[in-house]
Amino acid sequence: MPPGIGAPGGPATSRDGMRTRIDEMEQRLSAAPGDLRASVLLADALLRQARATADSRPASRAATVLERTLQDNPDAYDALRLLGAVDLSLHRFARARELGARARETRPDDAWNYGVMGDAQLELGDYDEAFASFDRMMQLRPGPAAYARISYAREIRGDLTGALAAMQLAYAATPPQDPEAQAWYATQLGELQLKFGRPDEAAREFRRAVFAFGHYPLAEVGAGKAKLALGDRAGALAIFLDEMRRAPTLDLAARIGDLYSTSGRSDEAEHYYALAEYLAGPIPSQTEATLALFLAEHGRKLTQAVALAEQVAALRHDIVTDHALAWAYFKVGRIDGARKAIERALRTGSRDATLLSHAAAIRAATAHGDRSGAS
């Protein structure tokens, strides 16, 4: 059987390599629909394609392939373990946690399963369990995937120096036949350098990512953020607009809107703010609080922002959701609720600059008995 994509002997995780693997496996499945290995290899390549393009559609296809495979082969371990990772990509965190646990019961020494479980636990706000899963993953198989997760854990706990060191290990340990992973880890290094206030170093990491994998979406956006941090607003806007044409997201639209707003171009700003809301998708389908935080930060549809943040917080208890809930409460003057939510958001020791700024505003309002956060 052919090796997985990015593995020794397999196709590289370049755009061409992904397309080749996807085409080959689709041809195999067309000839033999019950080819279990082809289904897993196809889903694996689709999952990598989704990350490389910031497009969820390949991940949705991967889920369909794996679910069909498991219907016909309920004991197909490789399909089960991979479906957990696909669910993570699709933000189905509760099911990803369950699938990771099921796969772990079958093969408790497979480090992959602890990565899936830990990622899901992290997104759901079960931090102690997530950190334990990452530690077990590291014990079983030290390597790029484990180093990266240790980096995430350290960043969440406010240890940016330790996070940077672990992510550097992840990048250094990634083989040359996996350029997509090289681009991913370099992008994460760039984001950490931005958090340190070192935009020149960040820009270098983003260039390294794009060198490994041309037009890597997250790295392109990162390059724009680095230019903005260096004071080059026009350069940042040009990058954001260019990337918006390739891979539009709420985050990109919001950043473009902010640049237009601070330049006094209110009509263009409103266009992109409305586009950001559209790109988030319908409210009932929201599984994270990104849209709620965007609305609260921009003073838009605040009642809806509160309702959405509460909807997500009923299912997830991560610090990002608590942060969004706190800021939405603050903006509508519910200061006591904002105070409680922001304290939960601060519980891991995160040094996220926006989180700390909002926490300071909420604490100041609490100290002064302010009931009018919306002002």
Protein backbone atom coordinates (compact mmCIF):
# COMPACT_ATOMS: atom_id res chain seq x y z
CA MET A 1 0.00 0.00 0.00
CA PRO A 2 1.33 3.50 -0.76
CA PRO A 3 2.57 5.58 2.19
CA GLY A 4 0.62 8.59 3.44
CA ILE A 5 1.05 12.02 1.95
CA GLY A 6 4.13 13.76 3.29
CA ALA A 7 5.58 10.47 4.54
CA PRO A 8 8.84 9.00 3.19
CA GLY A 9 8.07 7.49 -0.18
CA GLY A 10 4.73 9.25 -0.50
CA PRO A 11 3.86 12.39 -2.44
CA ALA A 12 4.94 15.68 -0.94
CA THR A 13 2.35 17.90 0.69
CA SER A 14 2.78 20.48 -2.05
CA ARG A 15 -0.23 21.60 -4.06
CA ASP A 16 0.79 19.29 -6.88
CA GLY A 17 1.41 16.44 -4.48
CA MET A 18 -2.02 16.82 -2.92
CA ARG A 19 -3.74 16.98 -6.28
CA THR A 20 -1.86 13.91 -7.47
CA ARG A 21 -2.74 11.89 -4.41
CA ILE A 22 -6.41 12.97 -4.51
CA ASP A 23 -6.72 12.11 -8.22
CA GLU A 24 -5.03 8.73 -7.78
CA MET A 25 -7.17 7.70 -4.82
CA GLU A 26 -10.38 8.85 -6.48
CA GLN A 27 -9.49 6.71 -9.49
CA ARG A 28 -8.85 3.72 -7.23
CA LEU A 29 -12.18 4.20 -5.47
CA SER A 30 -13.95 4.55 -8.78
CA ALA A 31 -12.57 1.18 -9.81
CA ALA A 32 -13.03 -0.43 -6.38
CA PRO A 33 -15.48 1.49 -4.14
CA GLY A 34 -14.68 -0.75 -1.19
CA ASP A 35 -10.94 0.02 -1.22
CA LEU A 36 -10.45 0.87 2.44
CA ARG A 37 -6.87 2.07 2.14
CA ALA A 38 -7.70 4.34 -0.79
CA SER A 39 -10.50 5.93 1.24
CA VAL A 40 -8.16 6.71 4.11
CA LEU A 41 -5.41 8.05 1.86
CA LEU A 42 -7.92 10.22 0.00
CA ALA A 43 -9.34 11.64 3.23
CA ASP A 44 -5.82 12.27 4.53
CA ALA A 45 -4.92 14.30 1.43
CA LEU A 46 -8.22 16.20 1.53
CA LEU A 47 -7.63 17.13 5.16
CA ARG A 48 -4.21 18.54 4.36
CA GLN A 49 -5.65 20.40 1.38
CA ALA A 50 -8.25 22.01 3.66
CA ARG A 51 -5.56 23.36 5.98
CA ALA A 52 -3.37 24.53 3.11
CA THR A 53 -6.18 26.48 1.46
CA ALA A 54 -8.14 27.69 4.52
CA ASP A 55 -11.17 26.10 2.85
CA SER A 56 -13.39 23.70 4.79
CA ARG A 57 -14.88 22.02 1.72
CA PRO A 58 -12.11 19.41 1.29
CA ALA A 59 -12.49 18.50 4.97
CA SER A 60 -16.23 18.05 4.47
CA ARG A 61 -15.48 15.70 1.58
CA ALA A 62 -13.02 13.81 3.76
CA ALA A 63 -15.69 13.38 6.43
CA THR A 64 -18.13 11.96 3.88
CA VAL A 65 -15.53 9.49 2.60
CA LEU A 66 -14.61 8.28 6.09
CA GLU A 67 -18.16 8.06 7.37
CA ARG A 68 -19.12 5.95 4.36
CA THR A 69 -16.09 3.75 4.96
CA LEU A 70 -17.00 3.22 8.61
CA GLN A 71 -20.56 2.33 7.70
CA ASP A 72 -19.23 -0.53 5.60
CA ASN A 73 -16.25 -1.32 7.88
CA PRO A 74 -17.14 -0.38 11.50
CA ASP A 75 -13.81 -1.71 12.78
CA ALA A 76 -11.67 0.24 10.32
CA TYR A 77 -9.25 1.75 12.81
CA ASP A 78 -7.37 3.99 10.37
CA ALA A 79 -10.64 5.56 9.23
CA LEU A 80 -11.79 6.06 12.82
CA ARG A 81 -8.60 7.79 14.00
CA LEU A 82 -8.53 10.07 10.96
CA LEU A 83 -12.20 11.02 11.26
CA GLY A 84 -11.41 12.54 14.65
CA ALA A 85 -8.89 14.87 13.03
CA VAL A 86 -11.35 15.73 10.27
CA ASP A 87 -13.96 16.62 12.87
CA LEU A 88 -11.46 18.95 14.50
CA SER A 89 -10.99 20.72 11.17
CA LEU A 90 -14.77 21.08 10.90
CA HIS A 91 -15.03 22.36 14.49
CA ARG A 92 -17.02 19.34 15.65
CA PHE A 93 -15.05 19.27 18.86
CA ALA A 94 -17.32 17.17 21.06
CA ARG A 95 -17.48 14.39 18.47
CA ALA A 96 -13.75 14.63 17.81
CA ARG A 97 -13.13 14.06 21.52
CA GLU A 98 -15.40 11.02 21.49
CA LEU A 99 -13.78 9.57 18.36
CA GLY A 100 -10.31 10.11 19.80
CA ALA A 101 -11.32 8.29 22.97
CA ARG A 102 -12.81 5.41 20.96
CA ALA A 103 -9.65 5.08 18.91
CA ARG A 104 -7.52 5.24 22.05
CA GLU A 105 -9.45 2.35 23.56
CA THR A 106 -8.54 0.29 20.50
CA ARG A 107 -4.87 1.31 20.42
CA PRO A 108 -3.82 3.08 23.61
CA ASP A 109 -0.20 3.40 22.43
CA ASP A 110 -1.03 5.40 19.29
CA ALA A 111 0.12 8.95 20.03
CA TRP A 112 -2.16 10.36 17.31
CA ASN A 113 -5.26 9.71 19.41
CA TYR A 114 -3.97 11.81 22.31
CA GLY A 115 -3.37 14.67 19.89
CA VAL A 116 -6.95 14.49 18.63
CA MET A 117 -8.35 14.26 22.15
CA GLY A 118 -6.14 17.06 23.42
CA ASP A 119 -7.04 19.41 20.60
CA ALA A 120 -10.74 18.80 21.20
CA GLN A 121 -10.38 19.19 24.96
CA LEU A 122 -8.50 22.45 24.42
CA GLU A 123 -11.26 23.88 22.23
CA LEU A 124 -13.92 22.81 24.70
CA GLY A 125 -12.07 24.45 27.60
CA ASP A 126 -11.05 21.24 29.39
CA TYR A 127 -7.50 22.47 29.84
CA ASP A 128 -6.17 20.09 32.48
CA GLU A 129 -7.36 17.12 30.40
CA ALA A 130 -5.91 18.65 27.23
CA PHE A 131 -2.50 19.23 28.80
CA ALA A 132 -2.47 15.66 30.11
CA SER A 133 -3.31 14.35 26.62
CA PHE A 134 -0.49 16.39 25.10
CA ASP A 135 1.96 15.15 27.73
CA ARG A 136 1.00 11.54 26.96
CA MET A 137 1.38 12.20 23.24
CA MET A 138 4.85 13.57 23.87
CA GLN A 139 5.81 10.53 25.93
CA LEU A 140 4.65 8.12 23.25
CA ARG A 141 6.03 9.88 20.18
CA PRO A 142 8.09 13.05 20.40
CA GLY A 143 7.99 14.84 17.08
CA PRO A 144 6.65 17.88 15.24
CA ALA A 145 2.97 17.29 16.06
CA ALA A 146 3.71 16.78 19.76
CA TYR A 147 6.09 19.76 19.95
CA ALA A 148 3.46 22.01 18.36
CA ARG A 149 0.85 20.97 20.89
CA ILE A 150 3.24 21.61 23.75
CA SER A 151 3.74 25.06 22.23
CA TYR A 152 -0.02 25.71 22.20
CA ALA A 153 -0.30 24.61 25.83
CA ARG A 154 2.52 26.91 26.90
CA GLU A 155 1.08 29.86 24.99
CA ILE A 156 -2.33 29.42 26.61
CA ARG A 157 -0.63 29.47 30.01
CA GLY A 158 1.23 32.67 29.17
CA ASP A 159 4.67 31.12 28.58
CA LEU A 160 5.47 32.70 25.24
CA THR A 161 9.19 31.95 25.49
CA GLY A 162 8.51 28.27 26.05
CA ALA A 163 5.90 28.28 23.30
CA LEU A 164 8.38 29.74 20.83
CA ALA A 165 11.05 27.18 21.75
CA ALA A 166 8.64 24.25 21.30
CA MET A 167 7.39 25.54 17.95
CA GLN A 168 10.96 25.95 16.75
CA LEU A 169 11.49 22.27 17.57
CA ALA A 170 8.37 21.41 15.57
CA TYR A 171 9.63 23.28 12.54
CA ALA A 172 13.14 21.84 12.76
CA ALA A 173 11.83 18.28 13.04
CA THR A 174 9.55 18.49 9.98
CA PRO A 175 10.84 16.49 6.99
CA PRO A 176 11.39 18.21 3.64
CA GLN A 177 8.68 16.14 1.94
CA ASP A 178 6.11 17.89 4.12
CA PRO A 179 6.26 21.54 2.94
CA GLU A 180 2.69 22.21 4.07
CA ALA A 181 3.63 21.37 7.66
CA GLN A 182 6.78 23.48 7.34
CA ALA A 183 4.60 26.40 6.25
CA TRP A 184 2.18 25.79 9.12
CA TYR A 185 4.89 25.74 11.80
CA ALA A 186 6.70 28.74 10.32
CA THR A 187 3.40 30.64 10.35
CA GLN A 188 2.89 29.78 14.02
CA LEU A 189 6.41 31.03 14.72
CA GLY A 190 5.54 34.28 12.98
CA GLU A 191 2.40 34.70 15.09
CA LEU A 192 4.42 34.15 18.26
CA GLN A 193 6.99 36.73 17.16
CA LEU A 194 4.14 39.22 16.67
CA LYS A 195 3.03 38.55 20.24
CA PHE A 196 6.56 39.37 21.37
CA GLY A 197 6.35 42.67 19.47
CA ARG A 198 8.99 41.66 16.94
CA PRO A 199 7.40 42.32 13.54
CA ASP A 200 10.66 42.05 11.58
CA GLU A 201 11.27 38.55 12.91
CA ALA A 202 7.62 37.72 12.31
CA ALA A 203 7.84 38.88 8.70
CA ARG A 204 10.84 36.63 8.18
CA GLU A 205 8.92 33.60 9.45
CA PHE A 206 5.95 34.38 7.21
CA ARG A 207 8.30 34.67 4.20
CA ARG A 208 9.78 31.30 5.13
CA ALA A 209 6.28 29.81 5.21
CA VAL A 210 5.40 31.18 1.78
CA PHE A 211 8.73 29.95 0.41
CA ALA A 212 7.86 26.43 1.60
CA PHE A 213 4.28 26.61 0.30
CA GLY A 214 3.39 29.41 -2.11
CA HIS A 215 0.48 31.67 -1.17
CA TYR A 216 -0.05 29.88 2.14
CA PRO A 217 -3.19 31.72 3.38
CA LEU A 218 -2.33 32.05 7.07
CA ALA A 219 1.19 33.19 6.25
CA GLU A 220 -0.04 35.77 3.76
CA VAL A 221 -2.36 37.23 6.38
CA GLY A 222 0.47 37.14 8.88
CA ALA A 223 2.68 39.10 6.49
CA GLY A 224 -0.01 41.77 6.34
CA LYS A 225 -0.17 41.93 10.13
CA ALA A 226 3.60 42.29 10.29
CA LYS A 227 3.51 45.19 7.82
CA LEU A 228 0.79 46.85 9.87
CA ALA A 229 2.87 46.46 13.03
CA LEU A 230 5.75 48.14 11.18
CA GLY A 231 3.52 51.08 10.25
CA ASP A 232 2.99 50.17 6.60
CA ARG A 233 -0.79 50.47 6.46
CA ALA A 234 -0.96 50.63 2.67
CA GLY A 235 1.18 47.51 2.34
CA ALA A 236 -0.94 45.65 4.87
CA LEU A 237 -4.16 46.63 3.11
CA ALA A 238 -2.81 45.48 -0.25
CA ILE A 239 -1.92 42.08 1.16
CA PHE A 240 -5.27 41.69 2.92
CA LEU A 241 -7.21 42.64 -0.20
CA ASP A 242 -5.19 40.25 -2.34
CA GLU A 243 -5.70 37.39 0.08
CA MET A 244 -9.38 38.25 0.40
CA ARG A 245 -9.76 37.41 -3.27
CA ARG A 246 -8.15 34.00 -2.71
CA ALA A 247 -9.51 32.87 0.66
CA PRO A 248 -12.13 35.23 2.15
CA THR A 249 -12.71 34.94 5.90
CA LEU A 250 -14.42 36.92 8.65
CA ASP A 251 -11.03 37.82 10.11
CA LEU A 252 -9.73 39.22 6.83
CA ALA A 253 -12.88 41.21 6.13
CA ALA A 254 -12.77 42.68 9.63
CA ARG A 255 -9.12 43.68 9.26
CA ILE A 256 -9.80 45.39 5.94
CA GLY A 257 -12.83 47.15 7.41
CA ASP A 258 -10.73 48.38 10.34
CA LEU A 259 -8.09 49.83 8.02
CA TYR A 260 -10.71 51.64 5.99
CA SER A 261 -12.46 52.86 9.15
CA THR A 262 -9.32 54.38 10.66
CA SER A 263 -8.64 56.05 7.30
CA GLY A 264 -12.05 57.75 7.40
CA ARG A 265 -13.46 55.65 4.56
CA SER A 266 -16.66 54.68 6.32
CA ASP A 267 -18.54 53.36 3.29
CA GLU A 268 -15.77 50.89 2.42
CA ALA A 269 -15.47 49.94 6.09
CA GLU A 270 -19.17 49.18 6.35
CA HIS A 271 -19.01 47.07 3.19
CA TYR A 272 -16.32 44.84 4.68
CA TYR A 273 -17.92 44.69 8.12
CA ALA A 274 -21.14 43.48 6.50
CA LEU A 275 -19.11 41.01 4.49
CA ALA A 276 -17.47 39.73 7.68
CA GLU A 277 -20.91 38.95 9.11
CA TYR A 278 -21.91 37.18 5.91
CA LEU A 279 -18.75 35.08 5.83
CA ALA A 280 -19.38 33.86 9.37
CA GLY A 281 -22.47 32.03 8.15
CA PRO A 282 -25.93 31.76 9.71
CA ILE A 283 -26.21 32.28 13.45
CA PRO A 284 -27.82 28.91 14.25
CA SER A 285 -24.80 27.07 12.80
CA GLN A 286 -22.16 28.96 14.83
CA THR A 287 -19.96 26.71 16.95
CA GLU A 288 -17.48 29.34 18.12
CA ALA A 289 -17.65 32.88 19.41
CA THR A 290 -15.62 34.62 16.69
CA LEU A 291 -18.64 36.41 15.24
CA ALA A 292 -19.90 37.42 18.69
CA LEU A 293 -16.55 39.01 19.52
CA PHE A 294 -16.43 40.79 16.17
CA LEU A 295 -19.91 42.25 16.70
CA ALA A 296 -19.10 43.34 20.25
CA GLU A 297 -15.77 44.92 19.27
CA HIS A 298 -17.43 46.89 16.49
CA GLY A 299 -20.62 47.83 18.35
CA ARG A 300 -22.84 45.97 15.88
CA LYS A 301 -26.02 44.04 16.69
CA LEU A 302 -25.09 43.82 20.35
CA THR A 303 -28.20 41.94 21.42
CA GLN A 304 -27.40 39.34 18.80
CA ALA A 305 -23.77 39.26 19.93
CA VAL A 306 -24.83 38.46 23.50
CA ALA A 307 -27.25 35.75 22.37
CA LEU A 308 -24.64 34.15 20.14
CA ALA A 309 -21.92 34.23 22.80
CA GLU A 310 -24.32 32.66 25.31
CA GLN A 311 -25.29 30.00 22.75
CA VAL A 312 -21.67 28.98 22.22
CA ALA A 313 -20.80 29.25 25.92
CA ALA A 314 -23.49 26.69 26.70
CA LEU A 315 -21.45 24.14 24.75
CA ARG A 316 -17.85 25.31 25.13
CA HIS A 317 -15.94 26.66 28.10
CA ASP A 318 -12.67 27.75 26.50
CA ILE A 319 -11.10 31.12 27.27
CA VAL A 320 -11.84 32.50 23.78
CA THR A 321 -15.56 31.92 24.26
CA ASP A 322 -15.46 33.35 27.79
CA HIS A 323 -13.66 36.41 26.41
CA ALA A 324 -16.29 36.97 23.73
CA LEU A 325 -19.09 36.54 26.25
CA ALA A 326 -17.45 38.99 28.65
CA TRP A 327 -17.00 41.68 26.00
CA ALA A 328 -20.52 41.26 24.66
CA TYR A 329 -21.91 41.62 28.20
CA PHE A 330 -19.71 44.67 28.78
CA LYS A 331 -20.90 46.39 25.63
CA VAL A 332 -24.54 46.10 26.68
CA GLY A 333 -23.83 47.25 30.23
CA ARG A 334 -24.05 43.88 31.97
CA ILE A 335 -20.92 44.55 33.98
CA ASP A 336 -21.36 41.87 36.64
CA GLY A 337 -21.74 39.17 34.00
CA ALA A 338 -18.77 40.63 32.11
CA ARG A 339 -16.63 40.52 35.24
CA LYS A 340 -17.40 36.86 35.92
CA ALA A 341 -16.82 35.84 32.31
CA ILE A 342 -13.54 37.74 31.96
CA GLU A 343 -12.16 36.17 35.12
CA ARG A 344 -12.85 32.77 33.60
CA ALA A 345 -11.15 33.91 30.39
CA LEU A 346 -8.04 34.85 32.37
CA ARG A 347 -7.82 31.59 34.30
CA THR A 348 -5.00 30.02 32.27
CA GLY A 349 -2.67 33.02 32.41
CA SER A 350 -2.93 33.89 28.71
CA ARG A 351 -1.08 37.04 27.66
CA ASP A 352 -3.26 37.77 24.64
CA ALA A 353 -3.13 41.54 24.23
CA THR A 354 -6.79 42.04 23.31
CA LEU A 355 -7.94 39.85 26.18
CA LEU A 356 -5.83 41.77 28.68
CA SER A 357 -7.03 45.13 27.32
CA HIS A 358 -10.67 44.11 27.61
CA ALA A 359 -10.08 42.70 31.08
CA ALA A 360 -8.62 46.02 32.20
CA ALA A 361 -11.66 47.90 30.88
CA ILE A 362 -14.08 45.54 32.60
CA ARG A 363 -12.21 45.71 35.90
CA ALA A 364 -12.13 49.49 35.71
CA ALA A 365 -15.87 49.59 35.11
CA THR A 366 -16.43 47.21 38.00
CA ALA A 367 -14.31 49.36 40.32
CA HIS A 368 -16.33 52.45 39.41
CA GLY A 369 -19.71 50.72 39.55
CA ASP A 370 -20.18 51.51 35.85
CA ARG A 371 -23.31 49.99 34.36
CA SER A 372 -22.91 51.43 30.88
CA GLY A 373 -20.29 49.40 29.02
CA ALA A 374 -22.08 50.15 25.76
CA SER A 375 -20.94 53.76 25.97
